[in-house]
Amino acid sequence: MTFAPYQSVKAILGPTNTGKTYFAIERMLAHPSGMIGLPLRLLAREVYTRVVERVGAQAVAPVTGEEQIVPARPRYWVCTVEAMPMDIHVDCVAIDEIQTAIDFDRGHVFTDRILNARGSQKPCCWVPRPWRR
Protein backbone atom coordinates (compact mmCIF):
# COMPACT_ATOMS: atom_id res chain seq x y z
CA MET A 1 0.00 0.00 0.00
CA THR A 2 1.42 3.37 -0.97
CA PHE A 3 0.42 6.62 0.67
CA ALA A 4 0.39 9.88 -1.24
CA PRO A 5 3.16 12.20 -0.03
CA TYR A 6 0.71 14.55 1.67
CA GLN A 7 -0.85 11.83 3.81
CA SER A 8 0.32 11.06 7.29
CA VAL A 9 -1.04 8.81 9.99
CA LYS A 10 -0.59 9.80 13.61
CA ALA A 11 -1.46 7.72 16.63
CA ILE A 12 -2.40 9.61 19.77
CA LEU A 13 -1.70 7.21 22.62
CA GLY A 14 -2.32 7.54 26.32
CA PRO A 15 -4.25 6.31 29.31
CA THR A 16 -7.91 7.02 29.93
CA ASN A 17 -9.02 10.62 30.48
CA THR A 18 -5.89 12.37 29.16
CA GLY A 19 -7.49 14.44 26.39
CA LYS A 20 -6.87 12.28 23.33
CA THR A 21 -10.35 12.81 21.87
CA TYR A 22 -10.20 16.52 22.70
CA PHE A 23 -6.85 16.75 20.88
CA ALA A 24 -8.28 14.94 17.83
CA ILE A 25 -11.25 17.33 17.71
CA GLU A 26 -8.93 20.34 17.98
CA ARG A 27 -6.71 18.97 15.19
CA MET A 28 -9.77 18.40 13.00
CA LEU A 29 -11.04 21.95 13.62
CA ALA A 30 -7.62 23.35 12.77
CA HIS A 31 -8.11 22.10 9.20
CA PRO A 32 -10.50 23.51 6.59
CA SER A 33 -12.47 20.23 6.64
CA GLY A 34 -12.51 17.06 8.70
CA MET A 35 -14.27 13.93 9.84
CA ILE A 36 -14.20 12.14 13.18
CA GLY A 37 -15.45 8.60 13.72
CA LEU A 38 -16.54 7.75 17.26
CA PRO A 39 -17.47 4.38 18.75
CA LEU A 40 -20.78 5.43 20.36
CA ARG A 41 -23.78 7.38 19.09
CA LEU A 42 -24.09 9.36 22.33
CA LEU A 43 -20.44 10.35 22.17
CA ALA A 44 -20.92 11.42 18.54
CA ARG A 45 -23.86 13.58 19.61
CA GLU A 46 -21.81 15.18 22.40
CA VAL A 47 -18.92 15.92 20.02
CA TYR A 48 -21.37 17.27 17.42
CA THR A 49 -22.75 19.72 19.99
CA ARG A 50 -19.24 20.92 20.87
CA VAL A 51 -18.23 21.35 17.24
CA VAL A 52 -21.46 23.24 16.44
CA GLU A 53 -20.70 25.64 19.29
CA ARG A 54 -17.37 26.42 17.62
CA VAL A 55 -18.22 26.53 13.90
CA GLY A 56 -22.04 26.68 13.60
CA ALA A 57 -24.66 24.10 12.63
CA GLN A 58 -24.40 24.78 8.88
CA ALA A 59 -20.78 23.60 8.88
CA VAL A 60 -21.28 20.26 10.68
CA ALA A 61 -22.97 17.03 9.59
CA PRO A 62 -23.85 14.47 12.27
CA VAL A 63 -24.05 10.99 10.77
CA THR A 64 -24.94 7.96 12.90
CA GLY A 65 -27.04 4.88 12.37
CA GLU A 66 -30.08 6.74 13.72
CA GLU A 67 -29.42 10.31 12.58
CA GLN A 68 -28.17 11.92 9.41
CA ILE A 69 -28.42 15.69 9.10
CA VAL A 70 -26.32 16.93 6.19
CA PRO A 71 -26.30 20.69 5.60
CA ALA A 72 -25.77 22.04 2.07
CA ARG A 73 -21.97 22.34 2.45
CA PRO A 74 -20.66 20.76 5.64
CA ARG A 75 -17.00 21.24 6.43
CA TYR A 76 -16.92 18.78 9.30
CA TRP A 77 -18.48 15.35 9.74
CA VAL A 78 -19.10 13.86 13.20
CA CYS A 79 -20.00 10.20 12.82
CA THR A 80 -20.12 6.82 14.40
CA VAL A 81 -17.36 4.75 12.84
CA GLU A 82 -19.86 2.45 11.13
CA ALA A 83 -21.66 5.42 9.53
CA MET A 84 -18.58 7.32 8.29
CA PRO A 85 -19.12 8.25 4.63
CA MET A 86 -16.26 6.73 2.68
CA ASP A 87 -16.76 8.69 -0.54
CA ILE A 88 -15.83 12.06 0.96
CA HIS A 89 -12.29 13.45 1.00
CA VAL A 90 -11.52 15.79 3.90
CA ASP A 91 -8.34 17.38 5.19
CA CYS A 92 -8.28 15.54 8.52
CA VAL A 93 -9.74 12.18 9.53
CA ALA A 94 -9.78 11.11 13.18
CA ILE A 95 -10.88 7.72 14.47
CA ASP A 96 -11.47 7.44 18.20
CA GLU A 97 -10.92 4.30 20.28
CA ILE A 98 -9.09 2.38 17.56
CA GLN A 99 -8.38 -0.49 19.93
CA THR A 100 -11.91 -1.52 18.95
CA ALA A 101 -10.29 -2.82 15.73
CA ILE A 102 -9.51 -6.04 17.63
CA ASP A 103 -13.18 -6.55 18.60
CA PHE A 104 -14.70 -9.66 17.03
CA ASP A 105 -18.02 -8.00 16.14
CA ARG A 106 -17.04 -4.43 15.18
CA GLY A 107 -13.31 -4.67 14.51
CA HIS A 108 -13.55 -5.15 10.77
CA VAL A 109 -15.32 -1.78 10.40
CA PHE A 110 -12.69 0.06 12.46
CA THR A 111 -9.91 -1.61 10.48
CA ASP A 112 -11.56 -0.64 7.20
CA ARG A 113 -11.89 3.00 8.28
CA ILE A 114 -8.30 3.13 9.56
CA LEU A 115 -7.01 1.83 6.23
CA ASN A 116 -9.42 3.48 3.79
CA ALA A 117 -10.81 6.76 5.16
CA ARG A 118 -9.32 9.59 3.13
CA GLY A 119 -7.73 12.68 4.58
CA SER A 120 -4.42 14.43 4.30
CA GLN A 121 -3.92 13.78 8.03
CA LYS A 122 -5.32 10.84 9.94
CA PRO A 123 -4.89 11.05 13.73
CA CYS A 124 -6.07 7.90 15.48
CA CYS A 125 -6.87 8.00 19.18
CA TRP A 126 -6.08 4.88 21.12
CA VAL A 127 -6.37 3.93 24.75
CA PRO A 128 -3.95 1.06 25.38
CA ARG A 129 -5.24 -1.69 27.60
CA PRO A 130 -2.89 -3.73 29.74
CA TRP A 131 -2.51 -7.36 28.75
CA ARG A 132 -4.17 -9.75 31.15
CA ARG A 133 -2.62 -13.10 31.91
C-alpha atoms as a PDB file:
ATOM      1  CA  MET A   1       0.000   0.000   0.000  1.00  0.00           C
ATOM      2  CA  THR A   2       1.419   3.370  -0.969  1.00  0.00           C
ATOM      3  CA  PHE A   3       0.419   6.623   0.674  1.00  0.00           C
ATOM      4  CA  ALA A   4       0.391   9.876  -1.241  1.00  0.00           C
ATOM      5  CA  PRO A   5       3.163  12.197  -0.033  1.00  0.00           C
ATOM      6  CA  TYR A   6       0.706  14.555   1.673  1.00  0.00           C
ATOM      7  CA  GLN A   7      -0.845  11.826   3.805  1.00  0.00           C
ATOM      8  CA  SER A   8       0.315  11.059   7.291  1.00  0.00           C
ATOM      9  CA  VAL A   9      -1.039   8.809   9.993  1.00  0.00           C
ATOM     10  CA  LYS A  10      -0.590   9.803  13.607  1.00  0.00           C
ATOM     11  CA  ALA A  11      -1.460   7.724  16.633  1.00  0.00           C
ATOM     12  CA  ILE A  12      -2.396   9.613  19.773  1.00  0.00           C
ATOM     13  CA  LEU A  13      -1.698   7.214  22.619  1.00  0.00           C
ATOM     14  CA  GLY A  14      -2.315   7.538  26.315  1.00  0.00           C
ATOM     15  CA  PRO A  15      -4.249   6.310  29.311  1.00  0.00           C
ATOM     16  CA  THR A  16      -7.908   7.024  29.927  1.00  0.00           C
ATOM     17  CA  ASN A  17      -9.022  10.622  30.476  1.00  0.00           C
ATOM     18  CA  THR A  18      -5.893  12.368  29.162  1.00  0.00           C
ATOM     19  CA  GLY A  19      -7.494  14.441  26.392  1.00  0.00           C
ATOM     20  CA  LYS A  20      -6.872  12.283  23.327  1.00  0.00           C
ATOM     21  CA  THR A  21     -10.347  12.810  21.873  1.00  0.00           C
ATOM     22  CA  TYR A  22     -10.198  16.524  22.695  1.00  0.00           C
ATOM     23  CA  PHE A  23      -6.847  16.747  20.881  1.00  0.00           C
ATOM     24  CA  ALA A  24      -8.278  14.939  17.829  1.00  0.00           C
ATOM     25  CA  ILE A  25     -11.249  17.332  17.709  1.00  0.00           C
ATOM     26  CA  GLU A  26      -8.929  20.336  17.984  1.00  0.00           C
ATOM     27  CA  ARG A  27      -6.711  18.966  15.185  1.00  0.00           C
ATOM     28  CA  MET A  28      -9.774  18.398  12.997  1.00  0.00           C
ATOM     29  CA  LEU A  29     -11.045  21.948  13.616  1.00  0.00           C
ATOM     30  CA  ALA A  30      -7.617  23.352  12.774  1.00  0.00           C
ATOM     31  CA  HIS A  31      -8.113  22.104   9.199  1.00  0.00           C
ATOM     32  CA  PRO A  32     -10.501  23.511   6.586  1.00  0.00           C
ATOM     33  CA  SER A  33     -12.467  20.233   6.641  1.00  0.00           C
ATOM     34  CA  GLY A  34     -12.509  17.063   8.702  1.00  0.00           C
ATOM     35  CA  MET A  35     -14.275  13.927   9.844  1.00  0.00           C
ATOM     36  CA  ILE A  36     -14.195  12.141  13.177  1.00  0.00           C
ATOM     37  CA  GLY A  37     -15.446   8.604  13.718  1.00  0.00           C
ATOM     38  CA  LEU A  38     -16.537   7.751  17.257  1.00  0.00           C
ATOM     39  CA  PRO A  39     -17.468   4.376  18.754  1.00  0.00           C
ATOM     40  CA  LEU A  40     -20.781   5.426  20.358  1.00  0.00           C
ATOM     41  CA  ARG A  41     -23.783   7.376  19.089  1.00  0.00           C
ATOM     42  CA  LEU A  42     -24.095   9.361  22.330  1.00  0.00           C
ATOM     43  CA  LEU A  43     -20.437  10.347  22.166  1.00  0.00           C
ATOM     44  CA  ALA A  44     -20.917  11.415  18.540  1.00  0.00           C
ATOM     45  CA  ARG A  45     -23.861  13.575  19.613  1.00  0.00           C
ATOM     46  CA  GLU A  46     -21.806  15.177  22.395  1.00  0.00           C
ATOM     47  CA  VAL A  47     -18.917  15.921  20.024  1.00  0.00           C
ATOM     48  CA  TYR A  48     -21.369  17.266  17.420  1.00  0.00           C
ATOM     49  CA  THR A  49     -22.753  19.724  19.989  1.00  0.00           C
ATOM     50  CA  ARG A  50     -19.240  20.916  20.870  1.00  0.00           C
ATOM     51  CA  VAL A  51     -18.235  21.354  17.238  1.00  0.00           C
ATOM     52  CA  VAL A  52     -21.460  23.242  16.437  1.00  0.00           C
ATOM     53  CA  GLU A  53     -20.698  25.644  19.287  1.00  0.00           C
ATOM     54  CA  ARG A  54     -17.365  26.418  17.624  1.00  0.00           C
ATOM     55  CA  VAL A  55     -18.225  26.534  13.901  1.00  0.00           C
ATOM     56  CA  GLY A  56     -22.037  26.676  13.598  1.00  0.00           C
ATOM     57  CA  ALA A  57     -24.660  24.098  12.629  1.00  0.00           C
ATOM     58  CA  GLN A  58     -24.395  24.783   8.876  1.00  0.00           C
ATOM     59  CA  ALA A  59     -20.781  23.600   8.882  1.00  0.00           C
ATOM     60  CA  VAL A  60     -21.279  20.258  10.677  1.00  0.00           C
ATOM     61  CA  ALA A  61     -22.970  17.029   9.586  1.00  0.00           C
ATOM     62  CA  PRO A  62     -23.852  14.471  12.265  1.00  0.00           C
ATOM     63  CA  VAL A  63     -24.047  10.991  10.766  1.00  0.00           C
ATOM     64  CA  THR A  64     -24.940   7.964  12.896  1.00  0.00           C
ATOM     65  CA  GLY A  65     -27.037   4.884  12.375  1.00  0.00           C
ATOM     66  CA  GLU A  66     -30.078   6.741  13.722  1.00  0.00           C
ATOM     67  CA  GLU A  67     -29.425  10.307  12.583  1.00  0.00           C
ATOM     68  CA  GLN A  68     -28.172  11.919   9.410  1.00  0.00           C
ATOM     69  CA  ILE A  69     -28.419  15.693   9.095  1.00  0.00           C
ATOM     70  CA  VAL A  70     -26.320  16.927   6.191  1.00  0.00           C
ATOM     71  CA  PRO A  71     -26.299  20.693   5.600  1.00  0.00           C
ATOM     72  CA  ALA A  72     -25.767  22.045   2.071  1.00  0.00           C
ATOM     73  CA  ARG A  73     -21.971  22.339   2.451  1.00  0.00           C
ATOM     74  CA  PRO A  74     -20.664  20.761   5.635  1.00  0.00           C
ATOM     75  CA  ARG A  75     -17.001  21.244   6.426  1.00  0.00           C
ATOM     76  CA  TYR A  76     -16.919  18.779   9.303  1.00  0.00           C
ATOM     77  CA  TRP A  77     -18.480  15.354   9.742  1.00  0.00           C
ATOM     78  CA  VAL A  78     -19.104  13.861  13.197  1.00  0.00           C
ATOM     79  CA  CYS A  79     -20.003  10.197  12.821  1.00  0.00           C
ATOM     80  CA  THR A  80     -20.116   6.823  14.398  1.00  0.00           C
ATOM     81  CA  VAL A  81     -17.359   4.752  12.839  1.00  0.00           C
ATOM     82  CA  GLU A  82     -19.856   2.446  11.130  1.00  0.00           C
ATOM     83  CA  ALA A  83     -21.659   5.417   9.528  1.00  0.00           C
ATOM     84  CA  MET A  84     -18.581   7.320   8.293  1.00  0.00           C
ATOM     85  CA  PRO A  85     -19.125   8.247   4.625  1.00  0.00           C
ATOM     86  CA  MET A  86     -16.256   6.729   2.675  1.00  0.00           C
ATOM     87  CA  ASP A  87     -16.762   8.694  -0.539  1.00  0.00           C
ATOM     88  CA  ILE A  88     -15.827  12.065   0.960  1.00  0.00           C
ATOM     89  CA  HIS A  89     -12.289  13.448   1.004  1.00  0.00           C
ATOM     90  CA  VAL A  90     -11.522  15.793   3.896  1.00  0.00           C
ATOM     91  CA  ASP A  91      -8.344  17.381   5.190  1.00  0.00           C
ATOM     92  CA  CYS A  92      -8.277  15.542   8.523  1.00  0.00           C
ATOM     93  CA  VAL A  93      -9.744  12.183   9.530  1.00  0.00           C
ATOM     94  CA  ALA A  94      -9.784  11.111  13.181  1.00  0.00           C
ATOM     95  CA  ILE A  95     -10.880   7.716  14.466  1.00  0.00           C
ATOM     96  CA  ASP A  96     -11.468   7.440  18.196  1.00  0.00           C
ATOM     97  CA  GLU A  97     -10.922   4.296  20.278  1.00  0.00           C
ATOM     98  CA  ILE A  98      -9.093   2.380  17.560  1.00  0.00           C
ATOM     99  CA  GLN A  99      -8.382  -0.488  19.930  1.00  0.00           C
ATOM    100  CA  THR A 100     -11.913  -1.521  18.945  1.00  0.00           C
ATOM    101  CA  ALA A 101     -10.292  -2.817  15.729  1.00  0.00           C
ATOM    102  CA  ILE A 102      -9.514  -6.043  17.627  1.00  0.00           C
ATOM    103  CA  ASP A 103     -13.180  -6.550  18.599  1.00  0.00           C
ATOM    104  CA  PHE A 104     -14.696  -9.660  17.030  1.00  0.00           C
ATOM    105  CA  ASP A 105     -18.020  -7.998  16.136  1.00  0.00           C
ATOM    106  CA  ARG A 106     -17.037  -4.431  15.180  1.00  0.00           C
ATOM    107  CA  GLY A 107     -13.314  -4.673  14.510  1.00  0.00           C
ATOM    108  CA  HIS A 108     -13.548  -5.149  10.771  1.00  0.00           C
ATOM    109  CA  VAL A 109     -15.318  -1.778  10.402  1.00  0.00           C
ATOM    110  CA  PHE A 110     -12.690   0.064  12.462  1.00  0.00           C
ATOM    111  CA  THR A 111      -9.908  -1.615  10.478  1.00  0.00           C
ATOM    112  CA  ASP A 112     -11.563  -0.638   7.203  1.00  0.00           C
ATOM    113  CA  ARG A 113     -11.887   3.004   8.285  1.00  0.00           C
ATOM    114  CA  ILE A 114      -8.302   3.129   9.561  1.00  0.00           C
ATOM    115  CA  LEU A 115      -7.014   1.833   6.229  1.00  0.00           C
ATOM    116  CA  ASN A 116      -9.418   3.478   3.792  1.00  0.00           C
ATOM    117  CA  ALA A 117     -10.814   6.761   5.156  1.00  0.00           C
ATOM    118  CA  ARG A 118      -9.320   9.585   3.126  1.00  0.00           C
ATOM    119  CA  GLY A 119      -7.733  12.678   4.579  1.00  0.00           C
ATOM    120  CA  SER A 120      -4.421  14.425   4.297  1.00  0.00           C
ATOM    121  CA  GLN A 121      -3.920  13.779   8.033  1.00  0.00           C
ATOM    122  CA  LYS A 122      -5.317  10.839   9.943  1.00  0.00           C
ATOM    123  CA  PRO A 123      -4.893  11.051  13.730  1.00  0.00           C
ATOM    124  CA  CYS A 124      -6.072   7.902  15.477  1.00  0.00           C
ATOM    125  CA  CYS A 125      -6.874   8.003  19.177  1.00  0.00           C
ATOM    126  CA  TRP A 126      -6.081   4.877  21.123  1.00  0.00           C
ATOM    127  CA  VAL A 127      -6.374   3.931  24.748  1.00  0.00           C
ATOM    128  CA  PRO A 128      -3.953   1.065  25.378  1.00  0.00           C
ATOM    129  CA  ARG A 129      -5.242  -1.686  27.599  1.00  0.00           C
ATOM    130  CA  PRO A 130      -2.891  -3.730  29.744  1.00  0.00           C
ATOM    131  CA  TRP A 131      -2.511  -7.361  28.754  1.00  0.00           C
ATOM    132  CA  ARG A 132      -4.175  -9.750  31.150  1.00  0.00           C
ATOM    133  CA  ARG A 133      -2.623 -13.099  31.907  1.00  0.00           C
END
